[in-house]
């Protein structure tokens, strides 16, 4: 779901363990970055079954990534994809904090 205009748009996400970022683009062929989520900014990743899922095109596949200054609402294409993305994002964010010690 968009940050300023609250409509649902397709985005292509790229998880980069080396840069510790989750970048997103309009589609997989797009070279211009639409935005980036830094692992160190991620506070929580959760299944959004209460708050904004009712606005989602597919509430059962909606999850949220909460950062210091924004909550990103995302819809996965399948239950398996949702579980994998949530696990990968959580692992990446937690992995970042391990490097801080």
PDB file of N, CA and C in Angstrom:
ATOM      1  N   UNK A   1       0.857  -1.172   0.000  1.00  0.00           N
ATOM      2  CA  UNK A   1       0.000   0.000   0.000  1.00  0.00           C
ATOM      3  C   UNK A   1       0.898   1.228   0.000  1.00  0.00           C
ATOM      4  N   UNK A   2       0.536   2.198  -0.786  1.00  0.00           N
ATOM      5  CA  UNK A   2       1.342   3.405  -0.913  1.00  0.00           C
ATOM      6  C   UNK A   2       1.462   4.168   0.392  1.00  0.00           C
ATOM      7  N   UNK A   3       2.549   4.927   0.516  1.00  0.00           N
ATOM      8  CA  UNK A   3       2.817   5.695   1.730  1.00  0.00           C
ATOM      9  C   UNK A   3       2.000   6.977   1.814  1.00  0.00           C
ATOM     10  N   UNK A   4       1.994   7.760   0.735  1.00  0.00           N
ATOM     11  CA  UNK A   4       1.262   9.031   0.748  1.00  0.00           C
ATOM     12  C   UNK A   4      -0.182   8.838   0.290  1.00  0.00           C
ATOM     13  N   UNK A   5      -0.340   8.173  -0.845  1.00  0.00           N
ATOM     14  CA  UNK A   5      -1.673   7.886  -1.366  1.00  0.00           C
ATOM     15  C   UNK A   5      -1.971   6.432  -1.037  1.00  0.00           C
ATOM     16  N   UNK A   6      -2.975   6.199  -0.230  1.00  0.00           N
ATOM     17  CA  UNK A   6      -3.249   4.867   0.324  1.00  0.00           C
ATOM     18  C   UNK A   6      -4.001   3.966  -0.658  1.00  0.00           C
ATOM     19  N   UNK A   7      -3.330   3.655  -1.763  1.00  0.00           N
ATOM     20  CA  UNK A   7      -3.882   2.704  -2.714  1.00  0.00           C
ATOM     21  C   UNK A   7      -2.890   1.551  -2.859  1.00  0.00           C
ATOM     22  N   UNK A   8      -3.372   0.403  -3.297  1.00  0.00           N
ATOM     23  CA  UNK A   8      -2.521  -0.774  -3.439  1.00  0.00           C
ATOM     24  C   UNK A   8      -1.875  -0.772  -4.810  1.00  0.00           C
ATOM     25  N   UNK A   9      -0.545  -0.970  -4.846  1.00  0.00           N
ATOM     26  CA  UNK A   9       0.209  -0.999  -6.090  1.00  0.00           C
ATOM     27  C   UNK A   9       1.143  -2.201  -6.067  1.00  0.00           C
ATOM     28  N   UNK A  10       1.371  -2.798  -7.234  1.00  0.00           N
ATOM     29  CA  UNK A  10       2.346  -3.882  -7.314  1.00  0.00           C
ATOM     30  C   UNK A  10       3.744  -3.285  -7.211  1.00  0.00           C
ATOM     31  N   UNK A  11       4.623  -3.989  -6.471  1.00  0.00           N
ATOM     32  CA  UNK A  11       6.014  -3.584  -6.333  1.00  0.00           C
ATOM     33  C   UNK A  11       6.908  -4.814  -6.414  1.00  0.00           C
ATOM     34  N   UNK A  12       8.119  -4.625  -6.906  1.00  0.00           N
ATOM     35  CA  UNK A  12       9.114  -5.684  -7.004  1.00  0.00           C
ATOM     36  C   UNK A  12      10.137  -5.437  -5.894  1.00  0.00           C
ATOM     37  N   UNK A  13      10.232  -6.375  -4.942  1.00  0.00           N
ATOM     38  CA  UNK A  13      11.128  -6.219  -3.798  1.00  0.00           C
ATOM     39  C   UNK A  13      12.405  -7.016  -3.993  1.00  0.00           C
ATOM     40  N   UNK A  14      13.518  -6.423  -3.556  1.00  0.00           N
ATOM     41  CA  UNK A  14      14.827  -7.076  -3.631  1.00  0.00           C
ATOM     42  C   UNK A  14      15.439  -7.047  -2.232  1.00  0.00           C
ATOM     43  N   UNK A  15      15.687  -8.250  -1.702  1.00  0.00           N
ATOM     44  CA  UNK A  15      16.307  -8.409  -0.389  1.00  0.00           C
ATOM     45  C   UNK A  15      17.818  -8.477  -0.605  1.00  0.00           C
ATOM     46  N   UNK A  16      18.570  -7.553  -0.004  1.00  0.00           N
ATOM     47  CA  UNK A  16      20.023  -7.514  -0.176  1.00  0.00           C
ATOM     48  C   UNK A  16      20.699  -7.680   1.183  1.00  0.00           C
ATOM     49  N   UNK A  17      21.165  -8.899   1.450  1.00  0.00           N
ATOM     50  CA  UNK A  17      21.794  -9.205   2.745  1.00  0.00           C
ATOM     51  C   UNK A  17      23.086  -8.409   2.940  1.00  0.00           C
ATOM     52  N   UNK A  18      23.852  -8.199   1.863  1.00  0.00           N
ATOM     53  CA  UNK A  18      25.121  -7.473   1.989  1.00  0.00           C
ATOM     54  C   UNK A  18      24.918  -5.998   2.310  1.00  0.00           C
ATOM     55  N   UNK A  19      23.967  -5.380   1.642  1.00  0.00           N
ATOM     56  CA  UNK A  19      23.685  -3.958   1.910  1.00  0.00           C
ATOM     57  C   UNK A  19      22.741  -3.775   3.098  1.00  0.00           C
ATOM     58  N   UNK A  20      22.156  -4.892   3.542  1.00  0.00           N
ATOM     59  CA  UNK A  20      21.191  -4.911   4.646  1.00  0.00           C
ATOM     60  C   UNK A  20      19.989  -4.000   4.338  1.00  0.00           C
ATOM     61  N   UNK A  21      19.440  -4.212   3.134  1.00  0.00           N
ATOM     62  CA  UNK A  21      18.296  -3.415   2.684  1.00  0.00           C
ATOM     63  C   UNK A  21      17.243  -4.291   2.019  1.00  0.00           C
ATOM     64  N   UNK A  22      16.038  -3.763   2.020  1.00  0.00           N
ATOM     65  CA  UNK A  22      14.926  -4.312   1.264  1.00  0.00           C
ATOM     66  C   UNK A  22      14.493  -3.176   0.340  1.00  0.00           C
ATOM     67  N   UNK A  23      14.914  -3.257  -0.918  1.00  0.00           N
ATOM     68  CA  UNK A  23      14.632  -2.200  -1.894  1.00  0.00           C
ATOM     69  C   UNK A  23      13.404  -2.572  -2.701  1.00  0.00           C
ATOM     70  N   UNK A  24      12.710  -1.555  -3.217  1.00  0.00           N
ATOM     71  CA  UNK A  24      11.563  -1.879  -4.064  1.00  0.00           C
ATOM     72  C   UNK A  24      11.461  -0.970  -5.271  1.00  0.00           C
ATOM     73  N   UNK A  25      10.909  -1.585  -6.325  1.00  0.00           N
ATOM     74  CA  UNK A  25      10.806  -0.967  -7.648  1.00  0.00           C
ATOM     75  C   UNK A  25       9.383  -1.130  -8.161  1.00  0.00           C
ATOM     76  N   UNK A  26       9.045  -0.397  -9.226  1.00  0.00           N
ATOM     77  CA  UNK A  26       7.710  -0.500  -9.815  1.00  0.00           C
ATOM     78  C   UNK A  26       7.488  -1.902 -10.396  1.00  0.00           C
ATOM     79  N   UNK A  27       8.519  -2.476 -11.006  1.00  0.00           N
ATOM     80  CA  UNK A  27       8.450  -3.854 -11.513  1.00  0.00           C
ATOM     81  C   UNK A  27       9.862  -4.395 -11.645  1.00  0.00           C
ATOM     82  N   UNK A  28      10.004  -5.663 -12.025  1.00  0.00           N
ATOM     83  CA  UNK A  28      11.335  -6.277 -12.033  1.00  0.00           C
ATOM     84  C   UNK A  28      12.243  -5.754 -13.136  1.00  0.00           C
ATOM     85  N   UNK A  29      11.714  -5.019 -14.102  1.00  0.00           N
ATOM     86  CA  UNK A  29      12.527  -4.472 -15.178  1.00  0.00           C
ATOM     87  C   UNK A  29      12.901  -3.007 -14.933  1.00  0.00           C
ATOM     88  N   UNK A  30      12.346  -2.425 -13.909  1.00  0.00           N
ATOM     89  CA  UNK A  30      12.559  -1.017 -13.598  1.00  0.00           C
ATOM     90  C   UNK A  30      13.940  -0.813 -12.966  1.00  0.00           C
ATOM     91  N   UNK A  31      14.668   0.171 -13.429  1.00  0.00           N
ATOM     92  CA  UNK A  31      15.996   0.454 -12.880  1.00  0.00           C
ATOM     93  C   UNK A  31      15.921   1.506 -11.763  1.00  0.00           C
ATOM     94  N   UNK A  32      14.890   2.355 -11.811  1.00  0.00           N
ATOM     95  CA  UNK A  32      14.775   3.434 -10.825  1.00  0.00           C
ATOM     96  C   UNK A  32      14.148   2.923  -9.527  1.00  0.00           C
ATOM     97  N   UNK A  33      14.880   3.116  -8.454  1.00  0.00           N
ATOM     98  CA  UNK A  33      14.452   2.698  -7.128  1.00  0.00           C
ATOM     99  C   UNK A  33      13.246   3.509  -6.668  1.00  0.00           C
ATOM    100  N   UNK A  34      12.196   2.827  -6.183  1.00  0.00           N
ATOM    101  CA  UNK A  34      11.018   3.525  -5.638  1.00  0.00           C
ATOM    102  C   UNK A  34      11.215   3.829  -4.151  1.00  0.00           C
ATOM    103  N   UNK A  35      11.954   2.947  -3.457  1.00  0.00           N
ATOM    104  CA  UNK A  35      12.189   3.146  -2.032  1.00  0.00           C
ATOM    105  C   UNK A  35      13.067   2.062  -1.462  1.00  0.00           C
ATOM    106  N   UNK A  36      13.468   2.245  -0.219  1.00  0.00           N
ATOM    107  CA  UNK A  36      14.334   1.274   0.439  1.00  0.00           C
ATOM    108  C   UNK A  36      13.978   1.201   1.922  1.00  0.00           C
ATOM    109  N   UNK A  37      14.016  -0.012   2.453  1.00  0.00           N
ATOM    110  CA  UNK A  37      13.801  -0.235   3.876  1.00  0.00           C
ATOM    111  C   UNK A  37      15.125  -0.770   4.419  1.00  0.00           C
ATOM    112  N   UNK A  38      15.713  -0.054   5.354  1.00  0.00           N
ATOM    113  CA  UNK A  38      16.981  -0.483   5.953  1.00  0.00           C
ATOM    114  C   UNK A  38      16.706  -1.444   7.093  1.00  0.00           C
ATOM    115  N   UNK A  39      17.483  -2.521   7.144  1.00  0.00           N
ATOM    116  CA  UNK A  39      17.274  -3.524   8.192  1.00  0.00           C
ATOM    117  C   UNK A  39      17.284  -2.903   9.587  1.00  0.00           C
ATOM    118  N   UNK A  40      18.189  -1.944   9.823  1.00  0.00           N
ATOM    119  CA  UNK A  40      18.293  -1.375  11.168  1.00  0.00           C
ATOM    120  C   UNK A  40      17.055  -0.563  11.556  1.00  0.00           C
ATOM    121  N   UNK A  41      16.246  -0.170  10.567  1.00  0.00           N
ATOM    122  CA  UNK A  41      15.030   0.603  10.861  1.00  0.00           C
ATOM    123  C   UNK A  41      13.826  -0.298  11.170  1.00  0.00           C
ATOM    124  N   UNK A  42      13.931  -1.593  10.857  1.00  0.00           N
ATOM    125  CA  UNK A  42      12.798  -2.504  11.046  1.00  0.00           C
ATOM    126  C   UNK A  42      12.621  -2.818  12.528  1.00  0.00           C
ATOM    127  N   UNK A  43      11.423  -2.539  13.019  1.00  0.00           N
ATOM    128  CA  UNK A  43      11.100  -2.808  14.421  1.00  0.00           C
ATOM    129  C   UNK A  43      10.304  -4.098  14.578  1.00  0.00           C
ATOM    130  N   UNK A  44       9.466  -4.398  13.582  1.00  0.00           N
ATOM    131  CA  UNK A  44       8.558  -5.538  13.718  1.00  0.00           C
ATOM    132  C   UNK A  44       8.054  -5.978  12.345  1.00  0.00           C
ATOM    133  N   UNK A  45       7.824  -7.275  12.204  1.00  0.00           N
ATOM    134  CA  UNK A  45       7.200  -7.847  11.012  1.00  0.00           C
ATOM    135  C   UNK A  45       6.070  -8.720  11.524  1.00  0.00           C
ATOM    136  N   UNK A  46       4.850  -8.458  11.070  1.00  0.00           N
ATOM    137  CA  UNK A  46       3.721  -9.187  11.627  1.00  0.00           C
ATOM    138  C   UNK A  46       2.595  -9.368  10.617  1.00  0.00           C
ATOM    139  N   UNK A  47       1.814 -10.413  10.878  1.00  0.00           N
ATOM    140  CA  UNK A  47       0.623 -10.710  10.094  1.00  0.00           C
ATOM    141  C   UNK A  47      -0.448  -9.703  10.504  1.00  0.00           C
ATOM    142  N   UNK A  48      -0.967  -8.957   9.558  1.00  0.00           N
ATOM    143  CA  UNK A  48      -1.893  -7.859   9.856  1.00  0.00           C
ATOM    144  C   UNK A  48      -3.342  -8.304   9.703  1.00  0.00           C
ATOM    145  N   UNK A  49      -3.848  -9.034  10.678  1.00  0.00           N
ATOM    146  CA  UNK A  49      -5.215  -9.547  10.578  1.00  0.00           C
ATOM    147  C   UNK A  49      -6.247  -8.629  11.216  1.00  0.00           C
ATOM    148  N   UNK A  50      -5.831  -7.540  11.839  1.00  0.00           N
ATOM    149  CA  UNK A  50      -6.793  -6.671  12.517  1.00  0.00           C
ATOM    150  C   UNK A  50      -6.898  -5.273  11.907  1.00  0.00           C
ATOM    151  N   UNK A  51      -5.770  -4.577  11.771  1.00  0.00           N
ATOM    152  CA  UNK A  51      -5.796  -3.158  11.436  1.00  0.00           C
ATOM    153  C   UNK A  51      -6.203  -2.825  10.006  1.00  0.00           C
ATOM    154  N   UNK A  52      -5.319  -3.058   9.062  1.00  0.00           N
ATOM    155  CA  UNK A  52      -5.563  -2.615   7.690  1.00  0.00           C
ATOM    156  C   UNK A  52      -5.859  -3.740   6.712  1.00  0.00           C
ATOM    157  N   UNK A  53      -5.949  -4.952   7.227  1.00  0.00           N
ATOM    158  CA  UNK A  53      -6.202  -6.082   6.330  1.00  0.00           C
ATOM    159  C   UNK A  53      -7.537  -5.942   5.601  1.00  0.00           C
ATOM    160  N   UNK A  54      -8.517  -5.302   6.220  1.00  0.00           N
ATOM    161  CA  UNK A  54      -9.823  -5.156   5.563  1.00  0.00           C
ATOM    162  C   UNK A  54      -9.751  -4.292   4.309  1.00  0.00           C
ATOM    163  N   UNK A  55      -8.737  -3.443   4.198  1.00  0.00           N
ATOM    164  CA  UNK A  55      -8.566  -2.608   3.019  1.00  0.00           C
ATOM    165  C   UNK A  55      -7.778  -3.338   1.928  1.00  0.00           C
ATOM    166  N   UNK A  56      -7.202  -4.460   2.300  1.00  0.00           N
ATOM    167  CA  UNK A  56      -6.323  -5.191   1.396  1.00  0.00           C
ATOM    168  C   UNK A  56      -7.100  -5.922   0.308  1.00  0.00           C
ATOM    169  N   UNK A  57      -6.483  -6.089  -0.885  1.00  0.00           N
ATOM    170  CA  UNK A  57      -7.115  -6.896  -1.920  1.00  0.00           C
ATOM    171  C   UNK A  57      -7.170  -8.376  -1.529  1.00  0.00           C
ATOM    172  N   UNK A  58      -6.332  -8.795  -0.570  1.00  0.00           N
ATOM    173  CA  UNK A  58      -6.352 -10.171  -0.080  1.00  0.00           C
ATOM    174  C   UNK A  58      -5.932 -10.175   1.395  1.00  0.00           C
ATOM    175  N   UNK A  59      -6.878  -9.931   2.318  1.00  0.00           N
ATOM    176  CA  UNK A  59      -6.559  -9.799   3.735  1.00  0.00           C
ATOM    177  C   UNK A  59      -5.791 -10.970   4.339  1.00  0.00           C
ATOM    178  N   UNK A  60      -6.062 -12.191   3.897  1.00  0.00           N
ATOM    179  CA  UNK A  60      -5.394 -13.345   4.494  1.00  0.00           C
ATOM    180  C   UNK A  60      -3.918 -13.439   4.106  1.00  0.00           C
ATOM    181  N   UNK A  61      -3.499 -12.679   3.089  1.00  0.00           N
ATOM    182  CA  UNK A  61      -2.101 -12.693   2.656  1.00  0.00           C
ATOM    183  C   UNK A  61      -1.397 -11.368   2.930  1.00  0.00           C
ATOM    184  N   UNK A  62      -1.992 -10.545   3.798  1.00  0.00           N
ATOM    185  CA  UNK A  62      -1.440  -9.231   4.111  1.00  0.00           C
ATOM    186  C   UNK A  62      -0.568  -9.303   5.354  1.00  0.00           C
ATOM    187  N   UNK A  63       0.618  -8.712   5.255  1.00  0.00           N
ATOM    188  CA  UNK A  63       1.490  -8.605   6.421  1.00  0.00           C
ATOM    189  C   UNK A  63       2.111  -7.217   6.452  1.00  0.00           C
ATOM    190  N   UNK A  64       2.676  -6.861   7.600  1.00  0.00           N
ATOM    191  CA  UNK A  64       3.199  -5.515   7.798  1.00  0.00           C
ATOM    192  C   UNK A  64       4.659  -5.546   8.211  1.00  0.00           C
ATOM    193  N   UNK A  65       5.380  -4.539   7.747  1.00  0.00           N
ATOM    194  CA  UNK A  65       6.762  -4.326   8.163  1.00  0.00           C
ATOM    195  C   UNK A  65       6.795  -2.942   8.799  1.00  0.00           C
ATOM    196  N   UNK A  66       7.008  -2.915  10.109  1.00  0.00           N
ATOM    197  CA  UNK A  66       7.011  -1.649  10.845  1.00  0.00           C
ATOM    198  C   UNK A  66       8.445  -1.148  11.010  1.00  0.00           C
ATOM    199  N   UNK A  67       8.675   0.105  10.584  1.00  0.00           N
ATOM    200  CA  UNK A  67       9.978   0.737  10.764  1.00  0.00           C
ATOM    201  C   UNK A  67       9.817   1.915  11.722  1.00  0.00           C
ATOM    202  N   UNK A  68      10.910   2.622  11.961  1.00  0.00           N
ATOM    203  CA  UNK A  68      10.880   3.770  12.865  1.00  0.00           C
ATOM    204  C   UNK A  68       9.844   4.817  12.438  1.00  0.00           C
ATOM    205  N   UNK A  69       9.738   5.045  11.116  1.00  0.00           N
ATOM    206  CA  UNK A  69       8.849   6.118  10.674  1.00  0.00           C
ATOM    207  C   UNK A  69       7.701   5.718   9.743  1.00  0.00           C
ATOM    208  N   UNK A  70       7.506   4.432   9.510  1.00  0.00           N
ATOM    209  CA  UNK A  70       6.410   4.034   8.619  1.00  0.00           C
ATOM    210  C   UNK A  70       6.057   2.569   8.824  1.00  0.00           C
ATOM    211  N   UNK A  71       4.811   2.233   8.534  1.00  0.00           N
ATOM    212  CA  UNK A  71       4.399   0.836   8.486  1.00  0.00           C
ATOM    213  C   UNK A  71       4.116   0.520   7.024  1.00  0.00           C
ATOM    214  N   UNK A  72       4.811  -0.484   6.505  1.00  0.00           N
ATOM    215  CA  UNK A  72       4.624  -0.933   5.127  1.00  0.00           C
ATOM    216  C   UNK A  72       3.630  -2.091   5.147  1.00  0.00           C
ATOM    217  N   UNK A  73       2.535  -1.960   4.412  1.00  0.00           N
ATOM    218  CA  UNK A  73       1.541  -3.029   4.305  1.00  0.00           C
ATOM    219  C   UNK A  73       1.773  -3.747   2.992  1.00  0.00           C
ATOM    220  N   UNK A  74       1.950  -5.058   3.061  1.00  0.00           N
ATOM    221  CA  UNK A  74       2.288  -5.837   1.873  1.00  0.00           C
ATOM    222  C   UNK A  74       1.348  -7.021   1.726  1.00  0.00           C
ATOM    223  N   UNK A  75       1.097  -7.401   0.477  1.00  0.00           N
ATOM    224  CA  UNK A  75       0.272  -8.574   0.174  1.00  0.00           C
ATOM    225  C   UNK A  75       1.132  -9.536  -0.633  1.00  0.00           C
ATOM    226  N   UNK A  76       1.250 -10.755  -0.134  1.00  0.00           N
ATOM    227  CA  UNK A  76       2.024 -11.781  -0.837  1.00  0.00           C
ATOM    228  C   UNK A  76       1.135 -12.484  -1.862  1.00  0.00           C
ATOM    229  N   UNK A  77       1.740 -13.115  -2.882  1.00  0.00           N
ATOM    230  CA  UNK A  77       0.948 -13.826  -3.887  1.00  0.00           C
ATOM    231  C   UNK A  77       0.393 -15.167  -3.408  1.00  0.00           C
ATOM    232  N   UNK A  78       0.962 -15.711  -2.318  1.00  0.00           N
ATOM    233  CA  UNK A  78       0.507 -17.007  -1.808  1.00  0.00           C
ATOM    234  C   UNK A  78       0.851 -17.106  -0.318  1.00  0.00           C
ATOM    235  N   UNK A  79       0.213 -18.032   0.418  1.00  0.00           N
ATOM    236  CA  UNK A  79       0.569 -18.211   1.834  1.00  0.00           C
ATOM    237  C   UNK A  79       2.045 -18.591   2.008  1.00  0.00           C
ATOM    238  N   UNK A  80       2.579 -19.415   1.104  1.00  0.00           N
ATOM    239  CA  UNK A  80       3.980 -19.818   1.182  1.00  0.00           C
ATOM    240  C   UNK A  80       4.900 -18.617   0.985  1.00  0.00           C
ATOM    241  N   UNK A  81       4.582 -17.786   0.006  1.00  0.00           N
ATOM    242  CA  UNK A  81       5.398 -16.594  -0.258  1.00  0.00           C
ATOM    243  C   UNK A  81       5.345 -15.638   0.938  1.00  0.00           C
ATOM    244  N   UNK A  82       4.179 -15.490   1.550  1.00  0.00           N
ATOM    245  CA  UNK A  82       4.058 -14.611   2.710  1.00  0.00           C
ATOM    246  C   UNK A  82       4.953 -15.114   3.844  1.00  0.00           C
ATOM    247  N   UNK A  83       4.904 -16.411   4.119  1.00  0.00           N
ATOM    248  CA  UNK A  83       5.709 -16.983   5.196  1.00  0.00           C
ATOM    249  C   UNK A  83       7.201 -16.802   4.913  1.00  0.00           C
ATOM    250  N   UNK A  84       7.605 -17.065   3.674  1.00  0.00           N
ATOM    251  CA  UNK A  84       9.012 -16.931   3.304  1.00  0.00           C
ATOM    252  C   UNK A  84       9.481 -15.482   3.430  1.00  0.00           C
ATOM    253  N   UNK A  85       8.707 -14.538   2.882  1.00  0.00           N
ATOM    254  CA  UNK A  85       9.095 -13.130   2.963  1.00  0.00           C
ATOM    255  C   UNK A  85       9.168 -12.652   4.408  1.00  0.00           C
ATOM    256  N   UNK A  86       8.178 -13.031   5.210  1.00  0.00           N
ATOM    257  CA  UNK A  86       8.205 -12.610   6.612  1.00  0.00           C
ATOM    258  C   UNK A  86       9.437 -13.178   7.320  1.00  0.00           C
ATOM    259  N   UNK A  87       9.725 -14.460   7.092  1.00  0.00           N
ATOM    260  CA  UNK A  87      10.895 -15.094   7.717  1.00  0.00           C
ATOM    261  C   UNK A  87      12.193 -14.432   7.277  1.00  0.00           C
ATOM    262  N   UNK A  88      12.323 -14.181   5.983  1.00  0.00           N
ATOM    263  CA  UNK A  88      13.537 -13.581   5.443  1.00  0.00           C
ATOM    264  C   UNK A  88      13.743 -12.167   5.990  1.00  0.00           C
ATOM    265  N   UNK A  89      12.675 -11.378   6.048  1.00  0.00           N
ATOM    266  CA  UNK A  89      12.788 -10.005   6.553  1.00  0.00           C
ATOM    267  C   UNK A  89      13.151 -10.006   8.036  1.00  0.00           C
ATOM    268  N   UNK A  90      12.488 -10.847   8.815  1.00  0.00           N
ATOM    269  CA  UNK A  90      12.792 -10.939  10.251  1.00  0.00           C
ATOM    270  C   UNK A  90      14.235 -11.391  10.451  1.00  0.00           C
ATOM    271  N   UNK A  91      14.661 -12.414   9.716  1.00  0.00           N
ATOM    272  CA  UNK A  91      16.027 -12.928   9.836  1.00  0.00           C
ATOM    273  C   UNK A  91      17.037 -11.847   9.459  1.00  0.00           C
ATOM    274  N   UNK A  92      16.758 -11.108   8.403  1.00  0.00           N
ATOM    275  CA  UNK A  92      17.655 -10.033   7.989  1.00  0.00           C
ATOM    276  C   UNK A  92      17.751  -8.946   9.032  1.00  0.00           C
ATOM    277  N   UNK A  93      16.608  -8.532   9.583  1.00  0.00           N
ATOM    278  CA  UNK A  93      16.595  -7.479  10.605  1.00  0.00           C
ATOM    279  C   UNK A  93      17.300  -7.939  11.869  1.00  0.00           C
ATOM    280  N   UNK A  94      17.045  -9.185  12.287  1.00  0.00           N
ATOM    281  CA  UNK A  94      17.694  -9.716  13.486  1.00  0.00           C
ATOM    282  C   UNK A  94      19.181  -9.928  13.245  1.00  0.00           C
ATOM    283  N   UNK A  95      19.533 -10.344  12.038  1.00  0.00           N
ATOM    284  CA  UNK A  95      20.939 -10.527  11.679  1.00  0.00           C
ATOM    285  C   UNK A  95      21.699  -9.222  11.783  1.00  0.00           C
ATOM    286  N   UNK A  96      21.031  -8.130  11.438  1.00  0.00           N
ATOM    287  CA  UNK A  96      21.670  -6.826  11.518  1.00  0.00           C
ATOM    288  C   UNK A  96      22.036  -6.501  12.962  1.00  0.00           C
ATOM    289  N   UNK A  97      21.119  -6.767  13.876  1.00  0.00           N
ATOM    290  CA  UNK A  97      21.388  -6.434  15.284  1.00  0.00           C
ATOM    291  C   UNK A  97      22.508  -7.294  15.843  1.00  0.00           C
ATOM    292  N   UNK A  98      22.694  -8.509  15.338  1.00  0.00           N
ATOM    293  CA  UNK A  98      23.800  -9.349  15.784  1.00  0.00           C
ATOM    294  C   UNK A  98      25.146  -8.737  15.413  1.00  0.00           C
ATOM    295  N   UNK A  99      25.208  -8.033  14.283  1.00  0.00           N
ATOM    296  CA  UNK A  99      26.464  -7.393  13.863  1.00  0.00           C
ATOM    297  C   UNK A  99      26.794  -6.177  14.731  1.00  0.00           C
ATOM    298  N   UNK A 100      25.773  -5.643  15.382  1.00  0.00           N
ATOM    299  CA  UNK A 100      25.967  -4.438  16.195  1.00  0.00           C
ATOM    300  C   UNK A 100      26.688  -4.729  17.515  1.00  0.00           C
ATOM    301  N   UNK A 101      26.671  -5.992  17.967  1.00  0.00           N
ATOM    302  CA  UNK A 101      27.223  -6.334  19.281  1.00  0.00           C
ATOM    303  C   UNK A 101      28.724  -6.261  19.295  1.00  0.00           C
TER     304      UNK A 101
END
